[in-house]
Amino acid sequence: TTKQTEVGVQPETYTFPEGVDQIEVPLHPTRWSGWVITPPGSRWRIDPPDSGWVDVRFLDGTRTRLLPRQPVWLGKHTRNGSFRLCGEGGSGIVTLVRR
């Protein structure tokens, strides 16, 4: 079988312009989102949907899974503020606290 892909289509990159402290990232269970890039030195939290999980993949390849209704402040544990999301149940909410 031949796997068909969309040539030249890049996933959206999610950033935090000045004044924006929360973004919503659509989740798909078999595809990674575009890169979420947080400002240097910021703290950030990921809120999984109420009915689904979220996998987080960092630039260095490490991954972690978040369970439904269990938000996690990952930004205080890692200096790597660039990651992608994959999951089910809707959208993941990324909340930022600027320093």
Protein backbone atom coordinates (compact mmCIF):
# COMPACT_ATOMS: atom_id res chain seq x y z
CA THR A 1 0.00 0.00 0.00
CA THR A 2 1.06 3.57 -0.58
CA LYS A 3 0.82 6.07 2.24
CA GLN A 4 -0.48 9.39 0.97
CA THR A 5 0.71 12.60 2.62
CA GLU A 6 0.11 16.25 1.94
CA VAL A 7 3.32 17.48 0.34
CA GLY A 8 4.55 20.87 1.50
CA VAL A 9 1.96 21.28 4.24
CA GLN A 10 3.54 22.18 7.57
CA PRO A 11 1.63 22.03 10.88
CA GLU A 12 0.89 25.35 12.53
CA THR A 13 3.45 26.74 14.99
CA TYR A 14 1.97 28.06 18.24
CA THR A 15 3.64 31.02 19.96
CA PHE A 16 2.71 33.49 22.68
CA PRO A 17 2.69 37.06 21.39
CA GLU A 18 2.93 39.79 24.03
CA GLY A 19 -0.34 39.91 25.98
CA VAL A 20 -1.38 36.32 25.12
CA ASP A 21 -1.03 33.91 28.04
CA GLN A 22 -3.21 30.99 26.94
CA ILE A 23 -3.55 29.07 23.69
CA GLU A 24 -5.68 26.14 22.60
CA VAL A 25 -3.98 23.40 20.58
CA PRO A 26 -6.25 20.97 18.67
CA LEU A 27 -5.38 17.35 19.45
CA HIS A 28 -5.33 14.33 17.17
CA PRO A 29 -4.58 10.80 18.45
CA THR A 30 -2.28 9.80 15.56
CA ARG A 31 -0.65 13.12 14.53
CA TRP A 32 1.56 15.55 16.41
CA SER A 33 0.55 19.19 16.54
CA GLY A 34 2.82 21.91 15.27
CA TRP A 35 5.50 23.14 17.66
CA VAL A 36 4.38 25.06 20.73
CA ILE A 37 7.12 27.57 21.56
CA THR A 38 7.06 29.32 24.94
CA PRO A 39 9.12 32.41 25.79
CA PRO A 40 12.50 31.80 27.49
CA GLY A 41 12.27 31.78 31.29
CA SER A 42 8.49 31.40 31.38
CA ARG A 43 6.53 28.80 33.33
CA TRP A 44 3.75 26.96 31.54
CA ARG A 45 1.04 24.43 32.23
CA ILE A 46 -0.77 21.98 29.97
CA ASP A 47 -4.41 21.19 30.69
CA PRO A 48 -5.59 17.95 29.06
CA PRO A 49 -9.23 17.74 27.93
CA ASP A 50 -11.77 16.41 30.44
CA SER A 51 -12.24 13.21 28.44
CA GLY A 52 -8.86 12.49 26.87
CA TRP A 53 -5.12 12.15 27.31
CA VAL A 54 -2.27 14.31 25.98
CA ASP A 55 1.23 13.18 25.01
CA VAL A 56 3.94 15.84 25.10
CA ARG A 57 7.09 15.43 22.98
CA PHE A 58 10.03 17.75 23.58
CA LEU A 59 12.79 18.77 21.16
CA ASP A 60 15.19 16.23 22.68
CA GLY A 61 12.72 13.39 21.96
CA THR A 62 11.59 12.81 25.54
CA ARG A 63 7.87 12.25 26.02
CA THR A 64 5.38 12.34 28.84
CA ARG A 65 1.68 11.47 29.01
CA LEU A 66 -0.89 13.61 30.81
CA LEU A 67 -4.16 12.09 31.95
CA PRO A 68 -7.64 13.67 31.71
CA ARG A 69 -8.40 16.52 34.12
CA GLN A 70 -4.85 16.49 35.50
CA PRO A 71 -3.10 19.74 34.50
CA VAL A 72 0.66 19.73 34.94
CA TRP A 73 3.11 22.62 35.32
CA LEU A 74 5.86 21.25 33.07
CA GLY A 75 7.55 24.59 32.50
CA LYS A 76 9.01 24.65 35.98
CA HIS A 77 10.64 21.23 35.49
CA THR A 78 12.30 21.70 32.12
CA ARG A 79 14.21 24.47 30.41
CA ASN A 80 12.97 23.24 27.05
CA GLY A 81 9.92 25.35 26.21
CA SER A 82 9.37 23.86 22.73
CA PHE A 83 7.14 20.82 22.38
CA ARG A 84 4.43 19.14 20.33
CA LEU A 85 1.14 17.65 21.48
CA CYS A 86 -0.80 14.56 20.47
CA GLY A 87 -3.94 13.27 22.14
CA GLU A 88 -7.66 12.72 22.16
CA GLY A 89 -10.73 14.38 23.51
CA GLY A 90 -10.60 17.82 21.90
CA SER A 91 -7.92 20.41 22.58
CA GLY A 92 -5.07 20.84 25.01
CA ILE A 93 -4.86 24.22 26.72
CA VAL A 94 -1.38 25.66 27.28
CA THR A 95 -1.26 28.40 29.94
CA LEU A 96 1.79 30.61 30.34
CA VAL A 97 3.11 32.60 33.30
CA ARG A 98 5.61 35.22 32.19
CA ARG A 99 8.46 36.21 34.45
